[in-house]
Amino acid sequence: MSFKNFRVQSLIRLLLIFVSLFGLVYYLFIEVNYIRVFFLGLFSLIILMSLFAYINRTNRDTRYFLEAILNNDFTIKYNSSNQGKTFQELYSTFNKVNDKFMESTQSDASQYQYILTLINQLQVGILAYDEKERIHLANNAFEELLGQSHILNLSNIRAKNEILFEQLQSIQNGENVVQKITINNQVRRLSISATTFRLRAKHYKLISLQDIHAELDQNEMEAWQKLIRVLTHEIMNSVAPITSLSSTMKQVVQQGDLQGQRKATLEEGLDAIEARSQGLMNFTQAYRALTRVPLPNIKEVDGPNFFQRISSLFEPTLADTQIVWKLSIPQEDFKLLIDPDLIEQVIINLLKNAKEAVDQNSGSISLSYQEGHGASQSTIKIVDNGSGISDDILEKVFIPFYTTKTEGSGIGLSLARQIIQSHKGELSLETSSSGTSFYIKL
């Protein structure tokens, strides 16, 4: 007998068990018949076992279904025909859930393949590894850069290049470094950046590597060309009058008459030669200072005291002006990891430039500090309300020895940028007709 309803089948079995138990009581105590008692007891036991098996069938199938899901097996299909309405609904739901999981898995796999294809098309090397230094992703550009495929662990990179291995281990979250590395007998300059993230209770580090050798060579060549133009200009400006004066004095000496006007001319020429020679000497000393920037002695510095000291040094220079001075720093205590002497030199130089750029009667200058959070850098900002820097000058302000001042060596901003770069920071500026802002990011 096949019933189409779980409840009906369970109820029938319960009724059969009840009738069997009634018969057992009747033939055991009223009309004693042990043979019938035996068969009724056996029948009751069979019906009872059938009921338990029938009820347990749902639990068993549900358990098998959940185990299959835990094992990512979504291929099982449940036959719901001739199983009763309740089992038809249950198995139909199982099949729908399996189909949904299968669709989601296929969608995730397609999306992963799509992202992996994009990453492999990048010209930038991408590497991702976990806390145990197991590599989870290395795109084609990285494998081509290293000259090795199927990289499973950082130890594989160590066997290939010890310097690169140490750099990948030591680079911190949000840090960007340029490293010179020899790989396969080729010198490469790599721009290496790192980002750390947490996924499913595990920490990962994502590394990007780009060979910037060609770009650096181009920039270096342009920098040398600009420097040579400046050097040539300065030297020619000094050598030309020295040559002319030397020729004039030679003629005076050859004529042998060093009295009167000729003597005065000779003295004047010697004075000019001395002045231009001293100018060349000063220029050479400035060049030497630019090429001998000391390495920073980085240490932890109390932030508020550092900026208050700068304010105390700069504010008295504004005594004879109407320039408004403002210092804006966080109220709470904070620390700086810097060489205080070098950074103070940079800030004072930028404040001096700001003072020269503003009107002495209506100018304003501000110095502010904003602490970085997470991967963002801390920022020191110097702002003035001067007339700004013109476009034709803007691209030259960081060139060594370039200056628009009648006095000055033109190494201030170039030296400042070198000092900030030695702190692994960045010096940049924004300018308009309403003023100029310098940003020091550390």
Foldseek 3Di string as FASTA:
>chain_A
DADQAPVVVLVVLVVLLVVLVVVLCCCVPPVPDVVSNVVSVVVNVVSVVVNVCSVCVVVVVVVVLVVCVVVVNLPDADDLPSPHPVSNVVRVVSNVVSVVSVVVVVVVVVVVVVVLVVQQPDLKWKWKAFPVQFTPDTHPNRCVVQVHPDDGGLVVVCVQFVVVSVCVVPDDALAWDWDWGQGPNDTFTKTKHWHWDDDPNTIMIMIIIDGCPVVVVVVVVVLVVLQVVLVVVLVCVLVVLLVVLVVLLVVLVVVVDCDDPNVVSNVVSVVSNVVSVVVVVVLVVLVVCLVCQDQAPWDKDWPVVLVVVLCVVPVVVLPVFQEAEEEEEDPDIDIDGTRSVLVSLLVNLVVVVLCVQADRYDKYWYWYWDCDDDSFFIKIKIKIQGQWDDPVCQVPLLRFQDDPDPDDRSNNNVSSQVRLVSVVWGWDKDIHRRIIMIMITD
